[in-house]
Amino acid sequence: MSVIPGSFDFKPHRTGTTSSELNIQVTKNQDKVPIPLTGYIIEAVFTGPSKQTLSTANGGIVITNAANGEFKMTEQMITWQKGLYRFEFFFQTPQGKRNIYIIGQRLIT
């Protein structure tokens, strides 16, 4: 099965300030059926003037309701270099398969 990632662009954010918590739900198809996240590892890789990674391993991402496909990016101080970042959210299944479900960009000013 191939996966077509959804896209999402963050609002511009000023470096040196705190980014609020962001709740996200991943679903499949137009029917909005949740993708269960039990046992998943989620990693968001931001590539731009520097590379930044948020993940379930480093606490930048927390799965909040696995059965309903819900997770959050935690509140954090953004000290990234200014510029445009493109990102991909990687979702690794318990069996080790990796899919990209979300892509987009984030401007740091």
C-alpha atoms as a PDB file:
ATOM      1  CA  MET A   1       0.000   0.000   0.000  1.00  0.00           C
ATOM      2  CA  SER A   2       1.398   3.395  -0.930  1.00  0.00           C
ATOM      3  CA  VAL A   3       0.865   6.383   1.312  1.00  0.00           C
ATOM      4  CA  ILE A   4       0.232   9.894   0.016  1.00  0.00           C
ATOM      5  CA  PRO A   5       1.307  12.312   2.745  1.00  0.00           C
ATOM      6  CA  GLY A   6      -0.961  15.109   3.873  1.00  0.00           C
ATOM      7  CA  SER A   7       0.497  18.589   3.934  1.00  0.00           C
ATOM      8  CA  PHE A   8       0.557  21.183   6.690  1.00  0.00           C
ATOM      9  CA  ASP A   9       2.373  24.516   6.964  1.00  0.00           C
ATOM     10  CA  PHE A  10       3.105  26.061  10.336  1.00  0.00           C
ATOM     11  CA  LYS A  11       2.471  29.745  10.935  1.00  0.00           C
ATOM     12  CA  PRO A  12       5.725  31.773  10.971  1.00  0.00           C
ATOM     13  CA  HIS A  13       7.487  31.642  14.344  1.00  0.00           C
ATOM     14  CA  ARG A  14      10.060  33.989  15.883  1.00  0.00           C
ATOM     15  CA  THR A  15      13.310  32.415  17.059  1.00  0.00           C
ATOM     16  CA  GLY A  16      13.959  32.787  20.783  1.00  0.00           C
ATOM     17  CA  THR A  17      10.287  32.369  21.732  1.00  0.00           C
ATOM     18  CA  THR A  18       8.218  29.419  22.906  1.00  0.00           C
ATOM     19  CA  SER A  19       6.242  27.355  20.433  1.00  0.00           C
ATOM     20  CA  SER A  20       2.914  26.214  21.879  1.00  0.00           C
ATOM     21  CA  GLU A  21       1.890  22.588  22.121  1.00  0.00           C
ATOM     22  CA  LEU A  22       0.279  21.336  18.893  1.00  0.00           C
ATOM     23  CA  ASN A  23      -2.221  18.453  18.835  1.00  0.00           C
ATOM     24  CA  ILE A  24      -2.377  16.368  15.655  1.00  0.00           C
ATOM     25  CA  GLN A  25      -4.473  13.419  14.493  1.00  0.00           C
ATOM     26  CA  VAL A  26      -3.421  11.211  11.568  1.00  0.00           C
ATOM     27  CA  THR A  27      -6.165   9.659   9.497  1.00  0.00           C
ATOM     28  CA  LYS A  28      -6.405   7.746   6.250  1.00  0.00           C
ATOM     29  CA  ASN A  29      -8.680   8.234   3.276  1.00  0.00           C
ATOM     30  CA  GLN A  30     -11.402  10.810   2.875  1.00  0.00           C
ATOM     31  CA  ASP A  31     -13.377   8.969   5.555  1.00  0.00           C
ATOM     32  CA  LYS A  32     -10.970  10.297   8.217  1.00  0.00           C
ATOM     33  CA  VAL A  33     -10.376   6.844   9.714  1.00  0.00           C
ATOM     34  CA  PRO A  34      -7.699   7.205  12.448  1.00  0.00           C
ATOM     35  CA  ILE A  35      -4.376   5.442  11.939  1.00  0.00           C
ATOM     36  CA  PRO A  36      -3.728   3.548  15.204  1.00  0.00           C
ATOM     37  CA  LEU A  37      -0.333   4.531  16.615  1.00  0.00           C
ATOM     38  CA  THR A  38       0.150   1.802  19.228  1.00  0.00           C
ATOM     39  CA  GLY A  39       3.841   0.900  19.321  1.00  0.00           C
ATOM     40  CA  TYR A  40       4.795   3.537  16.734  1.00  0.00           C
ATOM     41  CA  ILE A  41       7.856   5.753  16.774  1.00  0.00           C
ATOM     42  CA  ILE A  42       7.205   9.229  15.355  1.00  0.00           C
ATOM     43  CA  GLU A  43       9.976  11.513  14.139  1.00  0.00           C
ATOM     44  CA  ALA A  44       9.639  14.991  12.631  1.00  0.00           C
ATOM     45  CA  VAL A  45      12.714  16.077  10.686  1.00  0.00           C
ATOM     46  CA  PHE A  46      13.011  19.785   9.832  1.00  0.00           C
ATOM     47  CA  THR A  47      15.624  20.609   7.193  1.00  0.00           C
ATOM     48  CA  GLY A  48      16.657  24.165   6.356  1.00  0.00           C
ATOM     49  CA  PRO A  49      19.403  26.490   7.597  1.00  0.00           C
ATOM     50  CA  SER A  50      20.009  23.785  10.228  1.00  0.00           C
ATOM     51  CA  LYS A  51      18.550  20.331  10.845  1.00  0.00           C
ATOM     52  CA  GLN A  52      16.157  19.850  13.766  1.00  0.00           C
ATOM     53  CA  THR A  53      14.548  16.602  14.895  1.00  0.00           C
ATOM     54  CA  LEU A  54      11.605  16.135  17.245  1.00  0.00           C
ATOM     55  CA  SER A  55      10.594  12.594  18.137  1.00  0.00           C
ATOM     56  CA  THR A  56       8.940  10.266  20.581  1.00  0.00           C
ATOM     57  CA  ALA A  57      12.492   9.290  21.572  1.00  0.00           C
ATOM     58  CA  ASN A  58      13.559  12.813  22.622  1.00  0.00           C
ATOM     59  CA  GLY A  59      10.226  13.984  24.088  1.00  0.00           C
ATOM     60  CA  GLY A  60       9.494  16.517  21.356  1.00  0.00           C
ATOM     61  CA  ILE A  61       6.537  14.339  20.292  1.00  0.00           C
ATOM     62  CA  VAL A  62       4.179  12.447  22.610  1.00  0.00           C
ATOM     63  CA  ILE A  63       1.521   9.961  21.517  1.00  0.00           C
ATOM     64  CA  THR A  64      -1.598  11.001  23.448  1.00  0.00           C
ATOM     65  CA  ASN A  65      -4.276   8.585  22.164  1.00  0.00           C
ATOM     66  CA  ALA A  66      -2.725   5.776  20.137  1.00  0.00           C
ATOM     67  CA  ALA A  67      -6.017   4.073  19.249  1.00  0.00           C
ATOM     68  CA  ASN A  68      -7.383   7.328  17.814  1.00  0.00           C
ATOM     69  CA  GLY A  69      -4.185   8.315  15.935  1.00  0.00           C
ATOM     70  CA  GLU A  70      -3.509  11.319  18.171  1.00  0.00           C
ATOM     71  CA  PHE A  71      -0.175  12.809  19.181  1.00  0.00           C
ATOM     72  CA  LYS A  72       1.224  16.214  20.104  1.00  0.00           C
ATOM     73  CA  MET A  73       4.314  18.263  19.522  1.00  0.00           C
ATOM     74  CA  THR A  74       5.284  19.484  22.973  1.00  0.00           C
ATOM     75  CA  GLU A  75       5.745  23.120  23.947  1.00  0.00           C
ATOM     76  CA  GLN A  76       9.338  24.135  23.313  1.00  0.00           C
ATOM     77  CA  MET A  77      11.691  27.070  23.071  1.00  0.00           C
ATOM     78  CA  ILE A  78      12.587  27.623  19.408  1.00  0.00           C
ATOM     79  CA  THR A  79      16.228  28.652  19.062  1.00  0.00           C
ATOM     80  CA  TRP A  80      16.642  27.542  15.463  1.00  0.00           C
ATOM     81  CA  GLN A  81      18.485  29.603  12.876  1.00  0.00           C
ATOM     82  CA  LYS A  82      16.210  31.935  10.916  1.00  0.00           C
ATOM     83  CA  GLY A  83      14.955  30.679   7.570  1.00  0.00           C
ATOM     84  CA  LEU A  84      12.557  28.336   5.823  1.00  0.00           C
ATOM     85  CA  TYR A  85      12.462  24.713   6.981  1.00  0.00           C
ATOM     86  CA  ARG A  86      10.824  21.852   5.123  1.00  0.00           C
ATOM     87  CA  PHE A  87       9.718  18.931   7.246  1.00  0.00           C
ATOM     88  CA  GLU A  88       8.596  15.338   7.054  1.00  0.00           C
ATOM     89  CA  PHE A  89       6.883  13.339   9.798  1.00  0.00           C
ATOM     90  CA  PHE A  90       8.120   9.740   9.741  1.00  0.00           C
ATOM     91  CA  PHE A  91       5.947   7.068  11.338  1.00  0.00           C
ATOM     92  CA  GLN A  92       7.644   3.770  12.126  1.00  0.00           C
ATOM     93  CA  THR A  93       5.398   0.773  12.782  1.00  0.00           C
ATOM     94  CA  PRO A  94       6.222  -1.808  15.468  1.00  0.00           C
ATOM     95  CA  GLN A  95       7.393  -4.038  12.565  1.00  0.00           C
ATOM     96  CA  GLY A  96       9.940  -1.395  11.475  1.00  0.00           C
ATOM     97  CA  LYS A  97       8.207  -0.075   8.343  1.00  0.00           C
ATOM     98  CA  ARG A  98       8.587   3.719   7.923  1.00  0.00           C
ATOM     99  CA  ASN A  99       6.018   5.924   6.202  1.00  0.00           C
ATOM    100  CA  ILE A 100       5.818   9.679   5.739  1.00  0.00           C
ATOM    101  CA  TYR A 101       2.304  10.859   6.623  1.00  0.00           C
ATOM    102  CA  ILE A 102       2.800  14.639   6.940  1.00  0.00           C
ATOM    103  CA  ILE A 103       4.970  17.077   4.965  1.00  0.00           C
ATOM    104  CA  GLY A 104       5.167  20.855   4.951  1.00  0.00           C
ATOM    105  CA  GLN A 105       7.194  23.868   5.881  1.00  0.00           C
ATOM    106  CA  ARG A 106       7.901  26.195   8.780  1.00  0.00           C
ATOM    107  CA  LEU A 107       9.301  29.718   8.600  1.00  0.00           C
ATOM    108  CA  ILE A 108      11.468  30.864  11.508  1.00  0.00           C
ATOM    109  CA  THR A 109      11.934  34.639  11.668  1.00  0.00           C
END
